[in-house]
């Protein structure tokens, strides 16, 4: 992360604290849902029966620490083989875009997500965990889909 980005990040933690938010479901499910920045969508899933059919529902707000956490979680919970990426993209961070670029291209020698257009797509997670993520997880691209019923229909197909 660049020094200015680190300063801005620290300021944001104080001014706009963002707490991790996720909801655990069926630990035997192979499906996870990522709602990007769509908090209402996350709440809809959290308050529904879908948690009986999915492992976890959470959000992804950053192209660095957020993706690190997601990749690490999938590595530790290897039953997850499919992640549905839905909801509104995070303005400025483009975390969904970066997640797909990581899955497609990996990282370079500086641990930067290859071909990401996000402002600070540098990861700290190990290359081994990234390779596991690339080889064992299928991403379903529903970025910008915020219709709860449409997403549920897609889950039923899976």
N, C-alpha and C. Protein backbone atom coordinates (compact mmCIF):
# COMPACT_ATOMS: atom_id res chain seq x y z
N UNK A 1 0.85 -1.17 0.00
CA UNK A 1 0.00 0.00 0.00
C UNK A 1 0.90 1.23 0.00
N UNK A 2 0.51 2.24 -0.72
CA UNK A 2 1.31 3.45 -0.76
C UNK A 2 1.07 4.26 0.50
N UNK A 3 2.02 5.14 0.88
CA UNK A 3 1.91 5.90 2.14
C UNK A 3 0.64 6.76 2.22
N UNK A 4 0.25 7.39 1.14
CA UNK A 4 -0.96 8.21 1.16
C UNK A 4 -2.18 7.32 1.37
N UNK A 5 -2.21 6.18 0.71
CA UNK A 5 -3.30 5.24 0.88
C UNK A 5 -3.40 4.74 2.32
N UNK A 6 -2.24 4.51 2.95
CA UNK A 6 -2.24 4.07 4.35
C UNK A 6 -2.82 5.16 5.26
N UNK A 7 -2.44 6.39 5.02
CA UNK A 7 -2.95 7.51 5.82
C UNK A 7 -4.46 7.64 5.65
N UNK A 8 -4.91 7.60 4.41
CA UNK A 8 -6.35 7.70 4.14
C UNK A 8 -7.09 6.54 4.79
N UNK A 9 -6.52 5.34 4.71
CA UNK A 9 -7.12 4.17 5.32
C UNK A 9 -7.27 4.32 6.83
N UNK A 10 -6.25 4.85 7.47
CA UNK A 10 -6.31 5.07 8.92
C UNK A 10 -7.34 6.13 9.27
N UNK A 11 -7.43 7.19 8.47
CA UNK A 11 -8.44 8.22 8.70
C UNK A 11 -9.85 7.64 8.56
N UNK A 12 -10.05 6.82 7.54
CA UNK A 12 -11.36 6.21 7.32
C UNK A 12 -11.76 5.32 8.50
N UNK A 13 -10.79 4.61 9.09
CA UNK A 13 -11.09 3.76 10.24
C UNK A 13 -11.68 4.57 11.39
N UNK A 14 -11.19 5.80 11.56
CA UNK A 14 -11.65 6.65 12.65
C UNK A 14 -12.95 7.35 12.28
N UNK A 15 -13.00 7.91 11.08
CA UNK A 15 -14.16 8.69 10.66
C UNK A 15 -15.34 7.81 10.29
N UNK A 16 -15.09 6.77 9.52
CA UNK A 16 -16.14 5.87 9.04
C UNK A 16 -15.78 4.43 9.38
N UNK A 17 -15.85 4.05 10.64
CA UNK A 17 -15.45 2.68 10.98
C UNK A 17 -16.34 1.65 10.29
N UNK A 18 -15.71 0.68 9.67
CA UNK A 18 -16.44 -0.38 8.98
C UNK A 18 -16.11 -1.68 9.68
N UNK A 19 -17.12 -2.29 10.24
CA UNK A 19 -16.93 -3.53 10.95
C UNK A 19 -17.20 -4.69 9.98
N UNK A 20 -16.44 -5.76 10.18
CA UNK A 20 -16.70 -6.94 9.36
C UNK A 20 -18.14 -7.36 9.58
N UNK A 21 -18.79 -7.73 8.51
CA UNK A 21 -20.14 -8.23 8.67
C UNK A 21 -20.34 -9.42 7.76
N UNK A 22 -20.67 -10.53 8.39
CA UNK A 22 -20.97 -11.76 7.67
C UNK A 22 -21.93 -12.57 8.52
N UNK A 23 -22.57 -13.52 7.88
CA UNK A 23 -23.54 -14.37 8.56
C UNK A 23 -23.27 -15.81 8.16
N UNK A 24 -23.03 -16.65 9.16
CA UNK A 24 -22.73 -18.05 8.91
C UNK A 24 -24.02 -18.83 8.68
N UNK A 25 -23.94 -19.79 7.78
CA UNK A 25 -25.08 -20.63 7.47
C UNK A 25 -24.74 -22.08 7.70
N UNK A 26 -24.97 -22.90 6.70
CA UNK A 26 -24.76 -24.34 6.76
C UNK A 26 -23.28 -24.64 6.52
N UNK A 27 -22.57 -25.14 7.52
CA UNK A 27 -21.13 -25.39 7.36
C UNK A 27 -20.80 -26.48 6.34
N UNK A 28 -21.81 -27.26 5.94
CA UNK A 28 -21.59 -28.32 4.95
C UNK A 28 -21.86 -27.87 3.52
N UNK A 29 -22.31 -26.63 3.35
CA UNK A 29 -22.62 -26.13 2.02
C UNK A 29 -21.34 -25.75 1.28
N UNK A 30 -21.39 -25.88 -0.03
CA UNK A 30 -20.23 -25.52 -0.87
C UNK A 30 -20.40 -24.13 -1.48
N UNK A 31 -21.47 -23.43 -1.13
CA UNK A 31 -21.78 -22.13 -1.74
C UNK A 31 -21.63 -21.01 -0.73
N UNK A 32 -21.00 -19.93 -1.16
CA UNK A 32 -20.89 -18.70 -0.37
C UNK A 32 -21.45 -17.56 -1.21
N UNK A 33 -21.93 -16.51 -0.54
CA UNK A 33 -22.45 -15.34 -1.23
C UNK A 33 -21.71 -14.11 -0.74
N UNK A 34 -21.27 -13.30 -1.70
CA UNK A 34 -20.61 -12.04 -1.41
C UNK A 34 -21.46 -10.92 -2.00
N UNK A 35 -21.95 -10.01 -1.16
CA UNK A 35 -22.85 -8.96 -1.62
C UNK A 35 -22.12 -7.64 -1.91
N UNK A 36 -20.80 -7.67 -1.99
CA UNK A 36 -20.00 -6.47 -2.23
C UNK A 36 -20.45 -5.36 -1.27
N UNK A 37 -20.90 -4.20 -1.76
CA UNK A 37 -21.26 -3.10 -0.86
C UNK A 37 -22.75 -3.02 -0.56
N UNK A 38 -23.54 -3.96 -1.04
CA UNK A 38 -25.00 -3.89 -0.88
C UNK A 38 -25.44 -4.42 0.47
N UNK A 39 -25.52 -3.52 1.44
CA UNK A 39 -25.87 -3.88 2.80
C UNK A 39 -27.31 -4.38 2.91
N UNK A 40 -28.24 -3.76 2.18
CA UNK A 40 -29.63 -4.22 2.24
C UNK A 40 -29.75 -5.64 1.72
N UNK A 41 -29.00 -5.96 0.68
CA UNK A 41 -29.00 -7.31 0.13
C UNK A 41 -28.42 -8.30 1.15
N UNK A 42 -27.36 -7.90 1.80
CA UNK A 42 -26.77 -8.73 2.83
C UNK A 42 -27.78 -9.01 3.94
N UNK A 43 -28.50 -7.99 4.36
CA UNK A 43 -29.52 -8.15 5.41
C UNK A 43 -30.65 -9.07 4.94
N UNK A 44 -31.05 -8.95 3.68
CA UNK A 44 -32.09 -9.84 3.14
C UNK A 44 -31.65 -11.30 3.25
N UNK A 45 -30.41 -11.58 2.85
CA UNK A 45 -29.91 -12.95 2.93
C UNK A 45 -29.80 -13.41 4.38
N UNK A 46 -29.31 -12.53 5.24
CA UNK A 46 -29.10 -12.87 6.64
C UNK A 46 -30.40 -13.21 7.35
N UNK A 47 -31.49 -12.61 6.92
CA UNK A 47 -32.79 -12.82 7.56
C UNK A 47 -33.68 -13.80 6.80
N UNK A 48 -33.06 -14.65 5.99
CA UNK A 48 -33.86 -15.58 5.18
C UNK A 48 -33.44 -17.03 5.43
N UNK A 49 -34.21 -17.92 4.86
CA UNK A 49 -33.92 -19.36 4.99
C UNK A 49 -32.73 -19.79 4.14
N UNK A 50 -32.23 -18.90 3.29
CA UNK A 50 -31.11 -19.25 2.41
C UNK A 50 -29.88 -19.67 3.22
N UNK A 51 -29.79 -19.21 4.47
CA UNK A 51 -28.66 -19.60 5.30
C UNK A 51 -28.64 -21.11 5.58
N UNK A 52 -29.77 -21.79 5.33
CA UNK A 52 -29.78 -23.25 5.43
C UNK A 52 -29.06 -23.90 4.25
N UNK A 53 -28.91 -23.13 3.17
CA UNK A 53 -28.36 -23.68 1.92
C UNK A 53 -26.99 -23.14 1.54
N UNK A 54 -26.52 -22.12 2.22
CA UNK A 54 -25.21 -21.55 1.90
C UNK A 54 -24.33 -21.55 3.15
N UNK A 55 -23.04 -21.57 2.93
CA UNK A 55 -22.08 -21.63 4.02
C UNK A 55 -21.96 -20.29 4.76
N UNK A 56 -21.88 -19.22 3.99
CA UNK A 56 -21.66 -17.89 4.56
C UNK A 56 -22.16 -16.84 3.59
N UNK A 57 -22.63 -15.73 4.13
CA UNK A 57 -23.01 -14.56 3.35
C UNK A 57 -22.25 -13.39 3.95
N UNK A 58 -21.55 -12.65 3.11
CA UNK A 58 -20.79 -11.52 3.62
C UNK A 58 -20.60 -10.47 2.56
N UNK A 59 -19.90 -9.43 2.93
CA UNK A 59 -19.64 -8.33 2.01
C UNK A 59 -18.15 -8.27 1.70
N UNK A 60 -17.81 -7.48 0.70
CA UNK A 60 -16.42 -7.29 0.31
C UNK A 60 -16.26 -5.83 -0.07
N UNK A 61 -15.56 -5.09 0.76
CA UNK A 61 -15.47 -3.64 0.54
C UNK A 61 -14.12 -3.17 0.01
N UNK A 62 -13.08 -3.96 0.16
CA UNK A 62 -11.76 -3.46 -0.28
C UNK A 62 -11.05 -4.46 -1.17
N UNK A 63 -10.21 -3.91 -2.02
CA UNK A 63 -9.46 -4.70 -2.99
C UNK A 63 -8.18 -5.28 -2.39
N UNK A 64 -7.95 -5.07 -1.11
CA UNK A 64 -6.74 -5.59 -0.49
C UNK A 64 -7.08 -6.42 0.76
N UNK A 65 -7.31 -5.77 1.88
CA UNK A 65 -7.58 -6.53 3.11
C UNK A 65 -8.84 -7.39 2.99
N UNK A 66 -9.85 -6.88 2.30
CA UNK A 66 -11.08 -7.65 2.12
C UNK A 66 -10.84 -8.91 1.32
N UNK A 67 -10.10 -8.79 0.23
CA UNK A 67 -9.80 -9.97 -0.59
C UNK A 67 -8.88 -10.92 0.17
N UNK A 68 -7.90 -10.37 0.90
CA UNK A 68 -7.05 -11.22 1.75
C UNK A 68 -7.92 -12.09 2.67
N UNK A 69 -8.89 -11.44 3.33
CA UNK A 69 -9.76 -12.16 4.27
C UNK A 69 -10.59 -13.22 3.57
N UNK A 70 -11.13 -12.88 2.41
CA UNK A 70 -11.96 -13.83 1.66
C UNK A 70 -11.14 -15.05 1.23
N UNK A 71 -9.97 -14.82 0.66
CA UNK A 71 -9.13 -15.93 0.20
C UNK A 71 -8.71 -16.80 1.39
N UNK A 72 -8.35 -16.17 2.49
CA UNK A 72 -7.95 -16.91 3.68
C UNK A 72 -9.12 -17.74 4.22
N UNK A 73 -10.32 -17.17 4.24
CA UNK A 73 -11.50 -17.88 4.72
C UNK A 73 -11.78 -19.12 3.86
N UNK A 74 -11.72 -18.95 2.55
CA UNK A 74 -11.98 -20.08 1.64
C UNK A 74 -10.92 -21.17 1.82
N UNK A 75 -9.69 -20.76 2.02
CA UNK A 75 -8.62 -21.74 2.23
C UNK A 75 -8.86 -22.55 3.50
N UNK A 76 -9.33 -21.89 4.55
CA UNK A 76 -9.58 -22.56 5.82
C UNK A 76 -10.88 -23.36 5.80
N UNK A 77 -11.78 -23.03 4.89
CA UNK A 77 -13.09 -23.71 4.78
C UNK A 77 -13.20 -24.29 3.37
N UNK A 78 -12.46 -25.35 3.14
CA UNK A 78 -12.29 -25.88 1.79
C UNK A 78 -13.52 -26.58 1.22
N UNK A 79 -14.60 -26.62 1.96
CA UNK A 79 -15.85 -27.13 1.38
C UNK A 79 -16.44 -26.12 0.41
N UNK A 80 -16.07 -24.86 0.55
CA UNK A 80 -16.61 -23.82 -0.33
C UNK A 80 -15.95 -23.96 -1.70
N UNK A 81 -16.79 -24.20 -2.72
CA UNK A 81 -16.28 -24.33 -4.09
C UNK A 81 -16.90 -23.30 -5.03
N UNK A 82 -17.93 -22.59 -4.57
CA UNK A 82 -18.60 -21.60 -5.42
C UNK A 82 -18.89 -20.35 -4.59
N UNK A 83 -18.53 -19.20 -5.16
CA UNK A 83 -18.87 -17.93 -4.52
C UNK A 83 -19.67 -17.11 -5.51
N UNK A 84 -20.85 -16.70 -5.10
CA UNK A 84 -21.69 -15.84 -5.92
C UNK A 84 -21.35 -14.39 -5.55
N UNK A 85 -20.84 -13.64 -6.51
CA UNK A 85 -20.47 -12.25 -6.28
C UNK A 85 -21.60 -11.39 -6.84
N UNK A 86 -22.33 -10.71 -5.94
CA UNK A 86 -23.49 -9.94 -6.36
C UNK A 86 -23.50 -8.60 -5.64
N UNK A 87 -24.49 -7.80 -5.95
CA UNK A 87 -24.62 -6.50 -5.31
C UNK A 87 -23.84 -5.43 -6.04
N UNK A 88 -23.92 -4.24 -5.50
CA UNK A 88 -23.26 -3.08 -6.10
C UNK A 88 -21.76 -3.13 -5.86
N UNK A 89 -21.03 -2.83 -6.91
CA UNK A 89 -19.58 -2.73 -6.82
C UNK A 89 -19.22 -1.58 -5.87
N UNK A 90 -18.11 -1.72 -5.19
CA UNK A 90 -17.67 -0.69 -4.24
C UNK A 90 -17.03 0.45 -5.03
N UNK A 91 -17.68 1.61 -4.99
CA UNK A 91 -17.20 2.76 -5.74
C UNK A 91 -15.78 3.10 -5.30
N UNK A 92 -14.91 3.29 -6.26
CA UNK A 92 -13.53 3.65 -5.98
C UNK A 92 -12.61 2.46 -5.73
N UNK A 93 -13.11 1.42 -5.08
CA UNK A 93 -12.26 0.28 -4.77
C UNK A 93 -12.38 -0.84 -5.80
N UNK A 94 -13.54 -1.01 -6.37
CA UNK A 94 -13.79 -2.06 -7.36
C UNK A 94 -13.32 -3.43 -6.86
N UNK A 95 -13.75 -3.77 -5.66
CA UNK A 95 -13.30 -5.02 -5.04
C UNK A 95 -13.78 -6.25 -5.81
N UNK A 96 -14.98 -6.20 -6.37
CA UNK A 96 -15.47 -7.33 -7.15
C UNK A 96 -14.61 -7.55 -8.39
N UNK A 97 -14.33 -6.46 -9.09
CA UNK A 97 -13.46 -6.51 -10.28
C UNK A 97 -12.11 -7.12 -9.90
N UNK A 98 -11.53 -6.66 -8.80
CA UNK A 98 -10.22 -7.15 -8.39
C UNK A 98 -10.26 -8.63 -8.01
N UNK A 99 -11.36 -9.06 -7.39
CA UNK A 99 -11.49 -10.47 -7.03
C UNK A 99 -11.47 -11.34 -8.28
N UNK A 100 -12.20 -10.92 -9.31
CA UNK A 100 -12.21 -11.69 -10.56
C UNK A 100 -10.84 -11.66 -11.23
N UNK A 101 -10.16 -10.53 -11.19
CA UNK A 101 -8.81 -10.44 -11.78
C UNK A 101 -7.83 -11.33 -11.03
N UNK A 102 -7.96 -11.38 -9.71
CA UNK A 102 -7.11 -12.27 -8.92
C UNK A 102 -7.36 -13.72 -9.33
N UNK A 103 -8.61 -14.09 -9.42
CA UNK A 103 -8.97 -15.47 -9.79
C UNK A 103 -8.43 -15.82 -11.17
N UNK A 104 -8.49 -14.88 -12.07
CA UNK A 104 -8.07 -15.10 -13.46
C UNK A 104 -6.55 -15.04 -13.62
N UNK A 105 -5.90 -14.05 -12.98
CA UNK A 105 -4.50 -13.75 -13.28
C UNK A 105 -3.51 -13.94 -12.13
N UNK A 106 -3.99 -14.00 -10.90
CA UNK A 106 -3.07 -14.11 -9.77
C UNK A 106 -2.43 -12.78 -9.42
N UNK A 107 -1.24 -12.88 -8.82
CA UNK A 107 -0.51 -11.69 -8.40
C UNK A 107 0.88 -11.67 -9.04
N UNK A 108 1.45 -10.47 -9.10
CA UNK A 108 2.80 -10.35 -9.63
C UNK A 108 3.83 -10.47 -8.50
N UNK A 109 5.09 -10.23 -8.80
CA UNK A 109 6.16 -10.38 -7.82
C UNK A 109 6.05 -9.39 -6.66
N UNK A 110 5.27 -8.32 -6.83
CA UNK A 110 5.05 -7.33 -5.77
C UNK A 110 3.76 -7.59 -5.00
N UNK A 111 3.10 -8.74 -5.28
CA UNK A 111 1.84 -9.15 -4.66
C UNK A 111 0.67 -8.25 -5.06
N UNK A 112 0.81 -7.63 -6.23
CA UNK A 112 -0.25 -6.80 -6.80
C UNK A 112 -1.12 -7.69 -7.69
N UNK A 113 -2.44 -7.53 -7.60
CA UNK A 113 -3.34 -8.31 -8.45
C UNK A 113 -3.13 -7.89 -9.90
N UNK A 114 -2.78 -8.84 -10.74
CA UNK A 114 -2.47 -8.57 -12.14
C UNK A 114 -3.72 -8.09 -12.88
N UNK A 115 -3.58 -6.99 -13.60
CA UNK A 115 -4.62 -6.36 -14.42
C UNK A 115 -5.78 -5.76 -13.63
N UNK A 116 -5.61 -5.59 -12.34
CA UNK A 116 -6.64 -4.91 -11.55
C UNK A 116 -6.54 -3.41 -11.81
N UNK A 117 -7.70 -2.77 -11.93
CA UNK A 117 -7.73 -1.31 -12.07
C UNK A 117 -8.09 -0.62 -10.76
N UNK A 118 -8.14 -1.38 -9.68
CA UNK A 118 -8.39 -0.81 -8.36
C UNK A 118 -7.19 0.03 -7.94
N UNK A 119 -7.40 0.99 -7.05
CA UNK A 119 -6.30 1.88 -6.67
C UNK A 119 -5.19 1.22 -5.86
N UNK A 120 -5.48 0.19 -5.08
CA UNK A 120 -4.45 -0.38 -4.20
C UNK A 120 -4.61 -1.89 -4.06
N UNK A 121 -4.48 -2.65 -5.16
CA UNK A 121 -4.77 -4.08 -5.13
C UNK A 121 -3.58 -4.94 -4.72
N UNK A 122 -3.02 -4.65 -3.55
CA UNK A 122 -1.88 -5.40 -3.04
C UNK A 122 -2.34 -6.32 -1.92
N UNK A 123 -1.94 -7.58 -2.00
CA UNK A 123 -2.39 -8.58 -1.04
C UNK A 123 -1.25 -9.01 -0.12
N UNK A 124 -1.62 -9.57 1.03
CA UNK A 124 -0.63 -10.12 1.95
C UNK A 124 -0.80 -11.64 2.10
N UNK A 125 -1.90 -12.17 1.61
CA UNK A 125 -2.16 -13.61 1.71
C UNK A 125 -1.11 -14.36 0.88
N UNK A 126 -0.81 -15.59 1.28
CA UNK A 126 0.25 -16.35 0.62
C UNK A 126 -0.12 -16.76 -0.81
N UNK A 127 0.90 -16.93 -1.62
CA UNK A 127 0.70 -17.36 -3.00
C UNK A 127 0.05 -18.75 -3.03
N UNK A 128 0.38 -19.58 -2.08
CA UNK A 128 -0.21 -20.92 -1.98
C UNK A 128 -1.73 -20.82 -1.80
N UNK A 129 -2.19 -19.92 -0.95
CA UNK A 129 -3.63 -19.75 -0.72
C UNK A 129 -4.30 -19.18 -1.96
N UNK A 130 -3.61 -18.27 -2.64
CA UNK A 130 -4.16 -17.69 -3.88
C UNK A 130 -4.30 -18.78 -4.94
N UNK A 131 -3.30 -19.62 -5.08
CA UNK A 131 -3.37 -20.69 -6.07
C UNK A 131 -4.49 -21.67 -5.73
N UNK A 132 -4.69 -21.96 -4.45
CA UNK A 132 -5.81 -22.81 -4.05
C UNK A 132 -7.13 -22.17 -4.49
N UNK A 133 -7.27 -20.88 -4.19
CA UNK A 133 -8.47 -20.12 -4.57
C UNK A 133 -8.70 -20.18 -6.08
N UNK A 134 -7.66 -19.96 -6.86
CA UNK A 134 -7.78 -19.98 -8.32
C UNK A 134 -8.18 -21.35 -8.84
N UNK A 135 -7.65 -22.39 -8.26
CA UNK A 135 -7.84 -23.74 -8.79
C UNK A 135 -9.05 -24.48 -8.25
N UNK A 136 -9.60 -24.03 -7.14
CA UNK A 136 -10.65 -24.81 -6.47
C UNK A 136 -11.96 -24.08 -6.24
N UNK A 137 -12.02 -22.81 -6.61
CA UNK A 137 -13.23 -22.03 -6.36
C UNK A 137 -13.75 -21.48 -7.68
N UNK A 138 -15.06 -21.63 -7.89
CA UNK A 138 -15.73 -21.07 -9.06
C UNK A 138 -16.42 -19.77 -8.63
N UNK A 139 -16.17 -18.69 -9.36
CA UNK A 139 -16.83 -17.42 -9.08
C UNK A 139 -17.99 -17.23 -10.06
N UNK A 140 -19.13 -16.83 -9.53
CA UNK A 140 -20.30 -16.55 -10.35
C UNK A 140 -20.47 -15.04 -10.38
N UNK A 141 -20.37 -14.46 -11.57
CA UNK A 141 -20.39 -13.00 -11.71
C UNK A 141 -21.81 -12.46 -11.83
N UNK A 142 -22.30 -11.94 -10.71
CA UNK A 142 -23.58 -11.23 -10.69
C UNK A 142 -23.37 -9.80 -10.17
N UNK A 143 -22.18 -9.26 -10.46
CA UNK A 143 -21.88 -7.90 -10.01
C UNK A 143 -22.94 -6.95 -10.56
N UNK A 144 -23.41 -6.09 -9.69
CA UNK A 144 -24.46 -5.09 -9.94
C UNK A 144 -25.87 -5.67 -9.94
N UNK A 145 -25.99 -6.97 -9.72
CA UNK A 145 -27.33 -7.56 -9.55
C UNK A 145 -27.74 -7.36 -8.09
N UNK A 146 -28.80 -6.62 -7.86
CA UNK A 146 -29.27 -6.36 -6.51
C UNK A 146 -30.67 -6.91 -6.27
N UNK A 147 -31.23 -7.58 -7.26
CA UNK A 147 -32.56 -8.17 -7.12
C UNK A 147 -32.42 -9.48 -6.36
N UNK A 148 -32.91 -9.47 -5.15
CA UNK A 148 -32.80 -10.62 -4.24
C UNK A 148 -33.37 -11.89 -4.87
N UNK A 149 -34.53 -11.80 -5.48
CA UNK A 149 -35.17 -12.98 -6.08
C UNK A 149 -34.35 -13.53 -7.24
N UNK A 150 -33.80 -12.66 -8.06
CA UNK A 150 -32.98 -13.11 -9.19
C UNK A 150 -31.74 -13.86 -8.71
N UNK A 151 -31.16 -13.38 -7.63
CA UNK A 151 -29.99 -14.06 -7.07
C UNK A 151 -30.38 -15.40 -6.48
N UNK A 152 -31.51 -15.45 -5.79
CA UNK A 152 -32.01 -16.72 -5.26
C UNK A 152 -32.23 -17.74 -6.38
N UNK A 153 -32.78 -17.28 -7.51
CA UNK A 153 -32.99 -18.17 -8.64
C UNK A 153 -31.67 -18.76 -9.12
N UNK A 154 -30.63 -17.95 -9.15
CA UNK A 154 -29.32 -18.42 -9.57
C UNK A 154 -28.77 -19.46 -8.60
N UNK A 155 -28.98 -19.24 -7.31
CA UNK A 155 -28.52 -20.19 -6.30
C UNK A 155 -29.23 -21.53 -6.48
N UNK A 156 -30.52 -21.50 -6.78
CA UNK A 156 -31.29 -22.73 -6.98
C UNK A 156 -30.74 -23.55 -8.13
N UNK A 157 -30.24 -22.88 -9.17
CA UNK A 157 -29.65 -23.58 -10.32
C UNK A 157 -28.37 -24.30 -9.91
N UNK A 158 -27.64 -23.69 -9.01
CA UNK A 158 -26.38 -24.30 -8.55
C UNK A 158 -26.65 -25.49 -7.67
